[in-house]
Amino acid sequence: MPDNVELIVRFHPVGGEDVSILTADFATVDDALMTISRALDEHRSLILSRAKYNREATENAVVVNLSNVVSVRVGRQDTETAGHYL
């Protein structure tokens, strides 16, 4: 199994500003997209155990309630145009 890469997952909620989380929970971008898509389809929260919120220095566990999320962007760089949308 390959080492997990550090990915930026940007959540765009119905109201408010985007939330970016740096995570090493996934081996690939496709793995992240499949896991997030499955959580959305099953109407459940996304649990990240190796996440950094707002570029914090330490990793934490994060639970994301996806019920008010309009779109999700997953990529290796945190820019407006990089990454894949769900």
N, C-alpha and C. Protein backbone atom coordinates (compact mmCIF):
# COMPACT_ATOMS: atom_id res chain seq x y z
N MET A 1 0.85 -1.18 0.00
CA MET A 1 0.00 0.00 0.00
C MET A 1 0.89 1.23 0.00
N PRO A 2 0.63 2.21 -0.86
CA PRO A 2 1.46 3.41 -0.92
C PRO A 2 1.26 4.28 0.30
N ASP A 3 2.27 5.10 0.58
CA ASP A 3 2.15 6.07 1.66
C ASP A 3 1.06 7.07 1.32
N ASN A 4 0.36 7.49 2.34
CA ASN A 4 -0.68 8.49 2.12
C ASN A 4 -0.04 9.82 1.79
N VAL A 5 -0.67 10.55 0.90
CA VAL A 5 -0.20 11.87 0.50
C VAL A 5 -0.97 12.93 1.28
N GLU A 6 -0.40 14.10 1.37
CA GLU A 6 -1.09 15.19 2.04
C GLU A 6 -1.96 15.91 1.01
N LEU A 7 -3.25 15.93 1.26
CA LEU A 7 -4.20 16.53 0.34
C LEU A 7 -4.93 17.69 1.01
N ILE A 8 -5.34 18.64 0.22
CA ILE A 8 -6.18 19.74 0.70
C ILE A 8 -7.61 19.43 0.28
N VAL A 9 -8.50 19.38 1.25
CA VAL A 9 -9.91 19.16 0.98
C VAL A 9 -10.62 20.46 1.34
N ARG A 10 -11.22 21.09 0.34
CA ARG A 10 -11.92 22.36 0.54
C ARG A 10 -13.41 22.14 0.44
N PHE A 11 -14.12 22.44 1.53
CA PHE A 11 -15.56 22.27 1.59
C PHE A 11 -16.22 23.63 1.38
N HIS A 12 -17.21 23.67 0.49
CA HIS A 12 -17.97 24.90 0.25
C HIS A 12 -19.38 24.69 0.81
N PRO A 13 -19.68 25.31 1.97
CA PRO A 13 -21.00 25.13 2.58
C PRO A 13 -22.06 25.99 1.90
N VAL A 14 -23.33 25.70 2.20
CA VAL A 14 -24.45 26.47 1.65
C VAL A 14 -24.29 27.94 2.01
N GLY A 15 -23.99 28.22 3.27
CA GLY A 15 -23.78 29.60 3.72
C GLY A 15 -22.43 29.71 4.37
N GLY A 16 -21.77 30.82 4.21
CA GLY A 16 -20.47 31.01 4.84
C GLY A 16 -19.32 30.82 3.88
N GLU A 17 -18.12 30.85 4.46
CA GLU A 17 -16.91 30.76 3.67
C GLU A 17 -16.43 29.32 3.54
N ASP A 18 -15.60 29.07 2.53
CA ASP A 18 -15.00 27.75 2.34
C ASP A 18 -14.17 27.37 3.55
N VAL A 19 -14.08 26.08 3.79
CA VAL A 19 -13.26 25.54 4.86
C VAL A 19 -12.25 24.59 4.23
N SER A 20 -10.96 24.84 4.48
CA SER A 20 -9.90 23.97 3.95
C SER A 20 -9.31 23.14 5.07
N ILE A 21 -9.14 21.86 4.78
CA ILE A 21 -8.53 20.94 5.74
C ILE A 21 -7.42 20.19 5.02
N LEU A 22 -6.24 20.19 5.61
CA LEU A 22 -5.11 19.44 5.11
C LEU A 22 -5.17 18.07 5.75
N THR A 23 -5.15 16.99 4.95
CA THR A 23 -5.31 15.66 5.50
C THR A 23 -4.37 14.65 4.84
N ALA A 24 -3.96 13.67 5.64
CA ALA A 24 -3.15 12.56 5.14
C ALA A 24 -3.92 11.25 5.33
N ASP A 25 -5.23 11.31 5.28
CA ASP A 25 -6.08 10.13 5.47
C ASP A 25 -6.23 9.28 4.22
N PHE A 26 -5.78 9.77 3.08
CA PHE A 26 -6.03 9.07 1.82
C PHE A 26 -4.73 8.81 1.07
N ALA A 27 -4.72 7.69 0.32
CA ALA A 27 -3.54 7.33 -0.46
C ALA A 27 -3.45 8.13 -1.76
N THR A 28 -4.61 8.45 -2.34
CA THR A 28 -4.65 9.18 -3.61
C THR A 28 -5.82 10.14 -3.63
N VAL A 29 -5.84 11.02 -4.60
CA VAL A 29 -6.97 11.92 -4.80
C VAL A 29 -8.23 11.11 -5.09
N ASP A 30 -8.10 10.08 -5.91
CA ASP A 30 -9.26 9.24 -6.23
C ASP A 30 -9.82 8.55 -5.00
N ASP A 31 -8.95 8.10 -4.11
CA ASP A 31 -9.39 7.49 -2.85
C ASP A 31 -10.19 8.50 -2.02
N ALA A 32 -9.71 9.72 -1.96
CA ALA A 32 -10.42 10.77 -1.22
C ALA A 32 -11.78 11.05 -1.84
N LEU A 33 -11.82 11.17 -3.16
CA LEU A 33 -13.08 11.44 -3.85
C LEU A 33 -14.10 10.33 -3.63
N MET A 34 -13.66 9.09 -3.68
CA MET A 34 -14.58 7.96 -3.48
C MET A 34 -15.11 7.94 -2.05
N THR A 35 -14.26 8.18 -1.07
CA THR A 35 -14.67 8.17 0.33
C THR A 35 -15.65 9.30 0.62
N ILE A 36 -15.36 10.49 0.12
CA ILE A 36 -16.24 11.64 0.34
C ILE A 36 -17.57 11.44 -0.39
N SER A 37 -17.51 10.93 -1.62
CA SER A 37 -18.75 10.66 -2.37
C SER A 37 -19.63 9.66 -1.65
N ARG A 38 -19.01 8.62 -1.12
CA ARG A 38 -19.77 7.59 -0.39
C ARG A 38 -20.43 8.19 0.85
N ALA A 39 -19.71 9.04 1.58
CA ALA A 39 -20.28 9.69 2.77
C ALA A 39 -21.45 10.59 2.38
N LEU A 40 -21.31 11.33 1.27
CA LEU A 40 -22.41 12.17 0.80
C LEU A 40 -23.62 11.33 0.41
N ASP A 41 -23.40 10.26 -0.34
CA ASP A 41 -24.50 9.38 -0.78
C ASP A 41 -25.22 8.73 0.39
N GLU A 42 -24.46 8.40 1.44
CA GLU A 42 -25.04 7.72 2.60
C GLU A 42 -25.55 8.69 3.66
N HIS A 43 -25.49 9.98 3.37
CA HIS A 43 -25.98 11.02 4.29
C HIS A 43 -25.35 10.90 5.68
N ARG A 44 -24.03 10.77 5.69
CA ARG A 44 -23.34 10.67 6.97
C ARG A 44 -22.16 11.64 6.99
N SER A 45 -21.59 11.83 8.15
CA SER A 45 -20.45 12.72 8.32
C SER A 45 -19.18 12.07 7.79
N LEU A 46 -18.22 12.92 7.45
CA LEU A 46 -16.91 12.46 7.02
C LEU A 46 -15.97 12.55 8.22
N ILE A 47 -15.28 11.45 8.53
CA ILE A 47 -14.36 11.42 9.66
C ILE A 47 -12.94 11.36 9.13
N LEU A 48 -12.15 12.35 9.50
CA LEU A 48 -10.73 12.42 9.12
C LEU A 48 -9.91 12.29 10.40
N SER A 49 -9.04 11.31 10.45
CA SER A 49 -8.26 11.09 11.67
C SER A 49 -6.89 11.74 11.64
N ARG A 50 -6.43 12.15 10.45
CA ARG A 50 -5.11 12.79 10.31
C ARG A 50 -5.28 14.12 9.57
N ALA A 51 -5.86 15.09 10.26
CA ALA A 51 -6.21 16.36 9.61
C ALA A 51 -5.62 17.56 10.34
N LYS A 52 -5.37 18.59 9.56
CA LYS A 52 -4.92 19.87 10.09
C LYS A 52 -5.89 20.93 9.60
N TYR A 53 -6.57 21.56 10.52
CA TYR A 53 -7.52 22.61 10.18
C TYR A 53 -6.80 23.95 10.14
N ASN A 54 -7.01 24.70 9.07
CA ASN A 54 -6.46 26.04 8.95
C ASN A 54 -4.95 26.07 9.12
N ARG A 55 -4.29 25.06 8.57
CA ARG A 55 -2.82 24.98 8.56
C ARG A 55 -2.20 24.92 9.95
N GLU A 56 -2.89 24.31 10.91
CA GLU A 56 -2.33 24.13 12.25
C GLU A 56 -1.11 23.22 12.16
N ALA A 57 -0.26 23.28 13.16
CA ALA A 57 0.96 22.49 13.16
C ALA A 57 0.72 21.03 13.53
N THR A 58 -0.28 20.76 14.35
CA THR A 58 -0.53 19.40 14.81
C THR A 58 -1.72 18.77 14.09
N GLU A 59 -1.67 17.44 13.97
CA GLU A 59 -2.79 16.71 13.38
C GLU A 59 -3.85 16.46 14.44
N ASN A 60 -5.09 16.49 14.02
CA ASN A 60 -6.22 16.21 14.89
C ASN A 60 -7.22 15.35 14.13
N ALA A 61 -8.16 14.81 14.86
CA ALA A 61 -9.29 14.14 14.23
C ALA A 61 -10.36 15.19 13.97
N VAL A 62 -11.01 15.11 12.82
CA VAL A 62 -12.03 16.09 12.44
C VAL A 62 -13.25 15.34 11.92
N VAL A 63 -14.42 15.75 12.36
CA VAL A 63 -15.67 15.21 11.85
C VAL A 63 -16.36 16.34 11.08
N VAL A 64 -16.66 16.09 9.81
CA VAL A 64 -17.28 17.11 8.96
C VAL A 64 -18.72 16.68 8.67
N ASN A 65 -19.67 17.52 9.08
CA ASN A 65 -21.07 17.29 8.78
C ASN A 65 -21.30 17.74 7.34
N LEU A 66 -21.58 16.82 6.46
CA LEU A 66 -21.71 17.11 5.03
C LEU A 66 -23.12 17.54 4.61
N SER A 67 -24.04 17.66 5.57
CA SER A 67 -25.43 17.95 5.21
C SER A 67 -25.62 19.33 4.58
N ASN A 68 -24.77 20.28 4.87
CA ASN A 68 -24.91 21.63 4.29
C ASN A 68 -23.78 21.98 3.33
N VAL A 69 -23.11 20.97 2.80
CA VAL A 69 -22.01 21.20 1.87
C VAL A 69 -22.53 21.17 0.44
N VAL A 70 -22.20 22.21 -0.32
CA VAL A 70 -22.62 22.31 -1.72
C VAL A 70 -21.63 21.61 -2.63
N SER A 71 -20.33 21.81 -2.38
CA SER A 71 -19.31 21.18 -3.20
C SER A 71 -18.06 20.93 -2.36
N VAL A 72 -17.23 20.02 -2.87
CA VAL A 72 -15.98 19.66 -2.21
C VAL A 72 -14.90 19.64 -3.28
N ARG A 73 -13.77 20.24 -2.98
CA ARG A 73 -12.63 20.22 -3.90
C ARG A 73 -11.49 19.48 -3.23
N VAL A 74 -10.87 18.56 -3.95
CA VAL A 74 -9.75 17.78 -3.42
C VAL A 74 -8.56 17.99 -4.35
N GLY A 75 -7.41 18.32 -3.77
CA GLY A 75 -6.21 18.51 -4.58
C GLY A 75 -4.96 18.47 -3.74
N ARG A 76 -3.84 18.58 -4.41
CA ARG A 76 -2.54 18.60 -3.72
C ARG A 76 -2.08 20.02 -3.43
N GLN A 77 -2.72 21.00 -4.04
CA GLN A 77 -2.38 22.40 -3.83
C GLN A 77 -3.63 23.16 -3.44
N ASP A 78 -3.48 24.18 -2.60
CA ASP A 78 -4.62 24.96 -2.15
C ASP A 78 -4.72 26.25 -2.96
N THR A 79 -5.32 26.12 -4.14
CA THR A 79 -5.54 27.29 -4.98
C THR A 79 -6.98 27.28 -5.47
N GLU A 80 -7.43 28.37 -6.00
CA GLU A 80 -8.81 28.47 -6.50
C GLU A 80 -9.06 27.57 -7.69
N THR A 81 -8.01 27.27 -8.49
CA THR A 81 -8.22 26.54 -9.73
C THR A 81 -7.71 25.11 -9.70
N ALA A 82 -7.03 24.69 -8.61
CA ALA A 82 -6.48 23.35 -8.55
C ALA A 82 -7.42 22.38 -7.87
N GLY A 83 -7.36 21.13 -8.26
CA GLY A 83 -8.13 20.10 -7.58
C GLY A 83 -9.33 19.63 -8.36
N HIS A 84 -10.02 18.64 -7.82
CA HIS A 84 -11.17 18.03 -8.45
C HIS A 84 -12.39 18.29 -7.60
N TYR A 85 -13.48 18.70 -8.22
CA TYR A 85 -14.73 18.95 -7.51
C TYR A 85 -15.60 17.72 -7.49
N LEU A 86 -16.40 17.60 -6.44
CA LEU A 86 -17.47 16.60 -6.37
C LEU A 86 -18.77 17.32 -6.63
